[in-house]
Amino acid sequence: MRTASELEEGEVGVYVNLTRVNTSDQPIENATIVGEEMVRWLRDIEGYRGFLMLSREGTTLGLSFWETREMAERHRVSRMQFIDRMTSAANVQVEEMLDFDVTFAELKGITDFLGEQGMA
């Protein structure tokens, strides 16, 4: 990944796809299982840079990080098919999918804090 100083003017360094899922009464632990499966599948896709899952009772947010918007778009159809299979198997509903550009991030302490727990 390039630093901000290495980017061309107007170029964005990382692209993020956010998926919000209604998990209803599913145990929150199921989100960890789904996240682990997502990472196993995503890690071999060109341009994939990481995955973060945030959960609370009734809602889970999945954020997939991509080198560029173009790389994420190139794999959109297969990603959607995989998400459909995962949400169907987990018996949850996708409520929203949004795209973002990362404009700032400082996450070093998160991986240090979580250690082995939930980090691929």
N, C-alpha and C. Protein backbone atom coordinates (compact mmCIF):
# COMPACT_ATOMS: atom_id res chain seq x y z
N MET A 1 0.84 -1.16 0.00
CA MET A 1 0.00 0.00 0.00
C MET A 1 0.89 1.23 0.00
N ARG A 2 0.48 2.25 -0.72
CA ARG A 2 1.26 3.47 -0.83
C ARG A 2 0.88 4.46 0.26
N THR A 3 1.86 5.29 0.63
CA THR A 3 1.58 6.34 1.59
C THR A 3 0.92 7.51 0.88
N ALA A 4 0.35 8.43 1.65
CA ALA A 4 -0.33 9.59 1.06
C ALA A 4 0.60 10.39 0.17
N SER A 5 1.87 10.49 0.53
CA SER A 5 2.81 11.28 -0.27
C SER A 5 3.14 10.60 -1.60
N GLU A 6 2.89 9.31 -1.72
CA GLU A 6 3.17 8.58 -2.96
C GLU A 6 2.00 8.60 -3.94
N LEU A 7 0.84 9.06 -3.50
CA LEU A 7 -0.33 9.07 -4.36
C LEU A 7 -0.28 10.26 -5.31
N GLU A 8 -0.82 10.05 -6.50
CA GLU A 8 -0.94 11.14 -7.46
C GLU A 8 -2.07 12.06 -7.00
N GLU A 9 -2.03 13.30 -7.42
CA GLU A 9 -3.06 14.26 -7.03
C GLU A 9 -4.45 13.72 -7.38
N GLY A 10 -5.36 13.74 -6.42
CA GLY A 10 -6.73 13.27 -6.64
C GLY A 10 -6.90 11.77 -6.50
N GLU A 11 -5.82 11.03 -6.36
CA GLU A 11 -5.90 9.58 -6.25
C GLU A 11 -6.16 9.20 -4.80
N VAL A 12 -6.99 8.19 -4.60
CA VAL A 12 -7.31 7.71 -3.26
C VAL A 12 -6.54 6.43 -3.01
N GLY A 13 -6.01 6.28 -1.80
CA GLY A 13 -5.14 5.15 -1.49
C GLY A 13 -5.84 3.84 -1.23
N VAL A 14 -6.99 3.85 -0.60
CA VAL A 14 -7.71 2.62 -0.28
C VAL A 14 -9.20 2.87 -0.45
N TYR A 15 -9.87 1.85 -0.96
CA TYR A 15 -11.31 1.89 -1.21
C TYR A 15 -11.96 0.88 -0.26
N VAL A 16 -13.12 1.21 0.27
CA VAL A 16 -13.81 0.34 1.23
C VAL A 16 -15.24 0.10 0.79
N ASN A 17 -15.66 -1.14 0.88
CA ASN A 17 -17.06 -1.48 0.68
C ASN A 17 -17.63 -1.86 2.05
N LEU A 18 -18.70 -1.19 2.46
CA LEU A 18 -19.36 -1.47 3.73
C LEU A 18 -20.67 -2.19 3.46
N THR A 19 -20.88 -3.30 4.15
CA THR A 19 -22.13 -4.04 4.06
C THR A 19 -22.74 -4.09 5.45
N ARG A 20 -23.98 -3.60 5.56
CA ARG A 20 -24.70 -3.63 6.84
C ARG A 20 -25.73 -4.74 6.78
N VAL A 21 -25.69 -5.61 7.78
CA VAL A 21 -26.54 -6.80 7.80
C VAL A 21 -27.40 -6.79 9.06
N ASN A 22 -28.69 -7.07 8.89
CA ASN A 22 -29.60 -7.26 10.02
C ASN A 22 -29.46 -8.71 10.45
N THR A 23 -28.91 -8.91 11.64
CA THR A 23 -28.68 -10.26 12.14
C THR A 23 -29.81 -10.76 13.02
N SER A 24 -30.82 -9.93 13.22
CA SER A 24 -32.00 -10.29 13.99
C SER A 24 -31.60 -10.86 15.34
N ASP A 25 -32.02 -12.08 15.63
CA ASP A 25 -31.73 -12.68 16.93
C ASP A 25 -30.56 -13.67 16.88
N GLN A 26 -29.78 -13.61 15.81
CA GLN A 26 -28.62 -14.52 15.69
C GLN A 26 -27.59 -14.19 16.77
N PRO A 27 -26.94 -15.21 17.33
CA PRO A 27 -25.88 -14.94 18.31
C PRO A 27 -24.76 -14.13 17.67
N ILE A 28 -24.22 -13.18 18.39
CA ILE A 28 -23.16 -12.31 17.86
C ILE A 28 -21.92 -13.12 17.46
N GLU A 29 -21.72 -14.26 18.09
CA GLU A 29 -20.57 -15.11 17.77
C GLU A 29 -20.61 -15.61 16.32
N ASN A 30 -21.81 -15.69 15.75
CA ASN A 30 -21.92 -16.12 14.35
C ASN A 30 -21.20 -15.17 13.41
N ALA A 31 -21.13 -13.89 13.77
CA ALA A 31 -20.45 -12.91 12.93
C ALA A 31 -18.97 -13.24 12.80
N THR A 32 -18.37 -13.74 13.86
CA THR A 32 -16.96 -14.14 13.80
C THR A 32 -16.76 -15.27 12.82
N ILE A 33 -17.64 -16.25 12.85
CA ILE A 33 -17.55 -17.39 11.94
C ILE A 33 -17.69 -16.92 10.50
N VAL A 34 -18.65 -16.06 10.24
CA VAL A 34 -18.86 -15.53 8.89
C VAL A 34 -17.65 -14.72 8.45
N GLY A 35 -17.12 -13.89 9.35
CA GLY A 35 -15.94 -13.08 9.03
C GLY A 35 -14.74 -13.93 8.67
N GLU A 36 -14.51 -15.00 9.41
CA GLU A 36 -13.40 -15.90 9.11
C GLU A 36 -13.56 -16.53 7.74
N GLU A 37 -14.78 -16.91 7.41
CA GLU A 37 -15.04 -17.51 6.09
C GLU A 37 -14.86 -16.48 4.98
N MET A 38 -15.31 -15.26 5.22
CA MET A 38 -15.14 -14.19 4.23
C MET A 38 -13.66 -13.97 3.93
N VAL A 39 -12.84 -13.91 4.96
CA VAL A 39 -11.41 -13.67 4.77
C VAL A 39 -10.76 -14.81 4.01
N ARG A 40 -11.13 -16.05 4.33
CA ARG A 40 -10.58 -17.20 3.59
C ARG A 40 -10.84 -17.06 2.10
N TRP A 41 -12.01 -16.57 1.76
CA TRP A 41 -12.38 -16.43 0.36
C TRP A 41 -11.75 -15.18 -0.26
N LEU A 42 -11.77 -14.06 0.45
CA LEU A 42 -11.30 -12.78 -0.10
C LEU A 42 -9.79 -12.71 -0.29
N ARG A 43 -9.03 -13.35 0.58
CA ARG A 43 -7.58 -13.14 0.60
C ARG A 43 -6.88 -13.49 -0.72
N ASP A 44 -7.50 -14.30 -1.56
CA ASP A 44 -6.88 -14.67 -2.83
C ASP A 44 -7.28 -13.76 -3.99
N ILE A 45 -8.09 -12.76 -3.72
CA ILE A 45 -8.57 -11.88 -4.79
C ILE A 45 -7.61 -10.70 -4.96
N GLU A 46 -7.25 -10.44 -6.21
CA GLU A 46 -6.34 -9.33 -6.52
C GLU A 46 -6.92 -8.01 -5.99
N GLY A 47 -6.09 -7.25 -5.32
CA GLY A 47 -6.50 -5.94 -4.83
C GLY A 47 -7.06 -5.95 -3.42
N TYR A 48 -7.40 -7.13 -2.89
CA TYR A 48 -7.94 -7.23 -1.53
C TYR A 48 -6.87 -6.83 -0.53
N ARG A 49 -7.23 -5.99 0.45
CA ARG A 49 -6.27 -5.50 1.44
C ARG A 49 -6.65 -5.79 2.88
N GLY A 50 -7.89 -6.18 3.14
CA GLY A 50 -8.25 -6.49 4.52
C GLY A 50 -9.75 -6.50 4.73
N PHE A 51 -10.14 -6.98 5.90
CA PHE A 51 -11.56 -7.10 6.22
C PHE A 51 -11.73 -6.81 7.71
N LEU A 52 -12.77 -6.07 8.03
CA LEU A 52 -13.10 -5.73 9.42
C LEU A 52 -14.58 -5.96 9.62
N MET A 53 -14.93 -6.62 10.71
CA MET A 53 -16.33 -6.86 11.01
C MET A 53 -16.63 -6.27 12.39
N LEU A 54 -17.66 -5.43 12.44
CA LEU A 54 -18.11 -4.81 13.69
C LEU A 54 -19.53 -5.30 13.96
N SER A 55 -19.78 -5.73 15.19
CA SER A 55 -21.09 -6.30 15.50
C SER A 55 -21.64 -5.78 16.82
N ARG A 56 -22.95 -5.74 16.86
CA ARG A 56 -23.71 -5.52 18.09
C ARG A 56 -24.99 -6.32 17.90
N GLU A 57 -25.76 -6.44 18.95
CA GLU A 57 -26.99 -7.21 18.87
C GLU A 57 -27.87 -6.67 17.74
N GLY A 58 -28.20 -7.52 16.79
CA GLY A 58 -29.10 -7.16 15.71
C GLY A 58 -28.46 -6.62 14.45
N THR A 59 -27.20 -6.19 14.52
CA THR A 59 -26.56 -5.57 13.35
C THR A 59 -25.08 -5.95 13.28
N THR A 60 -24.63 -6.22 12.07
CA THR A 60 -23.20 -6.41 11.81
C THR A 60 -22.81 -5.58 10.61
N LEU A 61 -21.65 -4.94 10.72
CA LEU A 61 -21.06 -4.20 9.60
C LEU A 61 -19.83 -4.95 9.13
N GLY A 62 -19.75 -5.21 7.84
CA GLY A 62 -18.55 -5.81 7.25
C GLY A 62 -17.90 -4.77 6.35
N LEU A 63 -16.62 -4.52 6.56
CA LEU A 63 -15.88 -3.56 5.74
C LEU A 63 -14.76 -4.30 5.03
N SER A 64 -14.83 -4.34 3.71
CA SER A 64 -13.75 -4.94 2.94
C SER A 64 -12.92 -3.81 2.34
N PHE A 65 -11.60 -3.95 2.45
CA PHE A 65 -10.65 -2.93 2.02
C PHE A 65 -9.97 -3.38 0.73
N TRP A 66 -9.88 -2.45 -0.23
CA TRP A 66 -9.35 -2.76 -1.56
C TRP A 66 -8.31 -1.74 -1.96
N GLU A 67 -7.35 -2.19 -2.74
CA GLU A 67 -6.29 -1.30 -3.21
C GLU A 67 -6.85 -0.14 -4.03
N THR A 68 -7.83 -0.44 -4.89
CA THR A 68 -8.47 0.61 -5.69
C THR A 68 -9.94 0.27 -5.89
N ARG A 69 -10.71 1.27 -6.23
CA ARG A 69 -12.13 1.09 -6.56
C ARG A 69 -12.26 0.14 -7.76
N GLU A 70 -11.38 0.30 -8.74
CA GLU A 70 -11.44 -0.52 -9.94
C GLU A 70 -11.25 -2.00 -9.62
N MET A 71 -10.33 -2.32 -8.73
CA MET A 71 -10.11 -3.72 -8.36
C MET A 71 -11.33 -4.29 -7.65
N ALA A 72 -11.93 -3.51 -6.77
CA ALA A 72 -13.14 -3.98 -6.09
C ALA A 72 -14.27 -4.18 -7.09
N GLU A 73 -14.42 -3.25 -8.02
CA GLU A 73 -15.48 -3.35 -9.03
C GLU A 73 -15.29 -4.56 -9.93
N ARG A 74 -14.05 -4.84 -10.26
CA ARG A 74 -13.74 -5.98 -11.13
C ARG A 74 -14.26 -7.29 -10.54
N HIS A 75 -14.31 -7.37 -9.23
CA HIS A 75 -14.74 -8.60 -8.55
C HIS A 75 -16.11 -8.47 -7.90
N ARG A 76 -16.86 -7.42 -8.24
CA ARG A 76 -18.15 -7.16 -7.60
C ARG A 76 -19.14 -8.32 -7.77
N VAL A 77 -19.26 -8.86 -8.97
CA VAL A 77 -20.25 -9.93 -9.21
C VAL A 77 -19.94 -11.14 -8.35
N SER A 78 -18.70 -11.59 -8.33
CA SER A 78 -18.37 -12.77 -7.52
C SER A 78 -18.49 -12.46 -6.03
N ARG A 79 -18.16 -11.22 -5.61
CA ARG A 79 -18.34 -10.84 -4.20
C ARG A 79 -19.81 -10.88 -3.81
N MET A 80 -20.67 -10.36 -4.68
CA MET A 80 -22.11 -10.35 -4.40
C MET A 80 -22.66 -11.77 -4.30
N GLN A 81 -22.21 -12.65 -5.19
CA GLN A 81 -22.65 -14.04 -5.15
C GLN A 81 -22.23 -14.69 -3.84
N PHE A 82 -21.00 -14.43 -3.41
CA PHE A 82 -20.51 -15.00 -2.17
C PHE A 82 -21.28 -14.45 -0.98
N ILE A 83 -21.52 -13.14 -0.97
CA ILE A 83 -22.29 -12.52 0.12
C ILE A 83 -23.70 -13.11 0.16
N ASP A 84 -24.32 -13.31 -0.99
CA ASP A 84 -25.65 -13.92 -1.03
C ASP A 84 -25.63 -15.32 -0.41
N ARG A 85 -24.62 -16.12 -0.74
CA ARG A 85 -24.52 -17.47 -0.17
C ARG A 85 -24.32 -17.41 1.34
N MET A 86 -23.44 -16.51 1.79
CA MET A 86 -23.14 -16.41 3.22
C MET A 86 -24.36 -15.92 4.01
N THR A 87 -25.05 -14.91 3.51
CA THR A 87 -26.20 -14.38 4.25
C THR A 87 -27.34 -15.39 4.27
N SER A 88 -27.48 -16.14 3.19
CA SER A 88 -28.51 -17.17 3.15
C SER A 88 -28.19 -18.28 4.16
N ALA A 89 -26.95 -18.72 4.19
CA ALA A 89 -26.54 -19.78 5.12
C ALA A 89 -26.65 -19.32 6.57
N ALA A 90 -26.36 -18.04 6.82
CA ALA A 90 -26.40 -17.51 8.19
C ALA A 90 -27.79 -17.03 8.58
N ASN A 91 -28.73 -17.03 7.62
CA ASN A 91 -30.10 -16.61 7.86
C ASN A 91 -30.17 -15.15 8.35
N VAL A 92 -29.47 -14.26 7.61
CA VAL A 92 -29.47 -12.83 7.91
C VAL A 92 -29.82 -12.06 6.64
N GLN A 93 -30.16 -10.76 6.79
CA GLN A 93 -30.57 -9.91 5.67
C GLN A 93 -29.59 -8.77 5.45
N VAL A 94 -29.12 -8.61 4.21
CA VAL A 94 -28.33 -7.42 3.87
C VAL A 94 -29.28 -6.24 3.81
N GLU A 95 -28.97 -5.19 4.55
CA GLU A 95 -29.81 -3.99 4.56
C GLU A 95 -29.23 -2.86 3.73
N GLU A 96 -27.90 -2.84 3.59
CA GLU A 96 -27.29 -1.70 2.92
C GLU A 96 -25.88 -2.06 2.49
N MET A 97 -25.49 -1.57 1.31
CA MET A 97 -24.11 -1.68 0.84
C MET A 97 -23.69 -0.30 0.36
N LEU A 98 -22.57 0.18 0.89
CA LEU A 98 -22.08 1.52 0.57
C LEU A 98 -20.60 1.46 0.23
N ASP A 99 -20.15 2.41 -0.58
CA ASP A 99 -18.75 2.49 -0.97
C ASP A 99 -18.14 3.76 -0.39
N PHE A 100 -16.89 3.64 0.05
CA PHE A 100 -16.17 4.76 0.66
C PHE A 100 -14.73 4.78 0.19
N ASP A 101 -14.12 5.95 0.27
CA ASP A 101 -12.68 6.11 0.12
C ASP A 101 -12.13 6.37 1.50
N VAL A 102 -11.02 5.72 1.85
CA VAL A 102 -10.38 5.98 3.13
C VAL A 102 -9.66 7.32 3.03
N THR A 103 -10.03 8.23 3.89
CA THR A 103 -9.38 9.55 3.89
C THR A 103 -8.41 9.70 5.06
N PHE A 104 -8.52 8.82 6.05
CA PHE A 104 -7.58 8.81 7.17
C PHE A 104 -7.75 7.50 7.92
N ALA A 105 -6.64 6.94 8.40
CA ALA A 105 -6.69 5.72 9.21
C ALA A 105 -5.46 5.64 10.10
N GLU A 106 -5.67 5.20 11.34
CA GLU A 106 -4.58 4.89 12.26
C GLU A 106 -5.06 3.69 13.05
N LEU A 107 -4.64 2.50 12.64
CA LEU A 107 -5.20 1.27 13.21
C LEU A 107 -4.17 0.36 13.86
N LYS A 108 -2.93 0.76 13.92
CA LYS A 108 -1.88 -0.10 14.44
C LYS A 108 -2.25 -0.71 15.79
N GLY A 109 -2.77 0.08 16.69
CA GLY A 109 -3.10 -0.39 18.02
C GLY A 109 -4.20 -1.44 18.06
N ILE A 110 -5.03 -1.50 17.05
CA ILE A 110 -6.13 -2.47 17.04
C ILE A 110 -5.59 -3.88 16.92
N THR A 111 -4.69 -4.12 15.99
CA THR A 111 -4.15 -5.46 15.84
C THR A 111 -3.30 -5.83 17.06
N ASP A 112 -2.60 -4.86 17.64
CA ASP A 112 -1.84 -5.12 18.86
C ASP A 112 -2.78 -5.52 19.99
N PHE A 113 -3.91 -4.83 20.12
CA PHE A 113 -4.88 -5.07 21.18
C PHE A 113 -5.57 -6.43 21.02
N LEU A 114 -6.02 -6.74 19.80
CA LEU A 114 -6.77 -7.96 19.57
C LEU A 114 -5.89 -9.20 19.53
N GLY A 115 -4.65 -9.05 19.13
CA GLY A 115 -3.75 -10.19 19.07
C GLY A 115 -4.33 -11.30 18.23
N GLU A 116 -4.37 -12.48 18.77
CA GLU A 116 -4.87 -13.65 18.05
C GLU A 116 -6.39 -13.67 17.94
N GLN A 117 -7.09 -12.97 18.81
CA GLN A 117 -8.55 -12.99 18.84
C GLN A 117 -9.13 -12.34 17.60
N GLY A 118 -9.68 -13.13 16.72
CA GLY A 118 -10.40 -12.60 15.58
C GLY A 118 -9.55 -11.95 14.52
N MET A 119 -8.25 -12.08 14.57
CA MET A 119 -7.41 -11.46 13.56
C MET A 119 -6.81 -12.55 12.68
N ALA A 120 -6.99 -12.38 11.36
CA ALA A 120 -6.45 -13.38 10.43
C ALA A 120 -5.04 -13.02 10.05
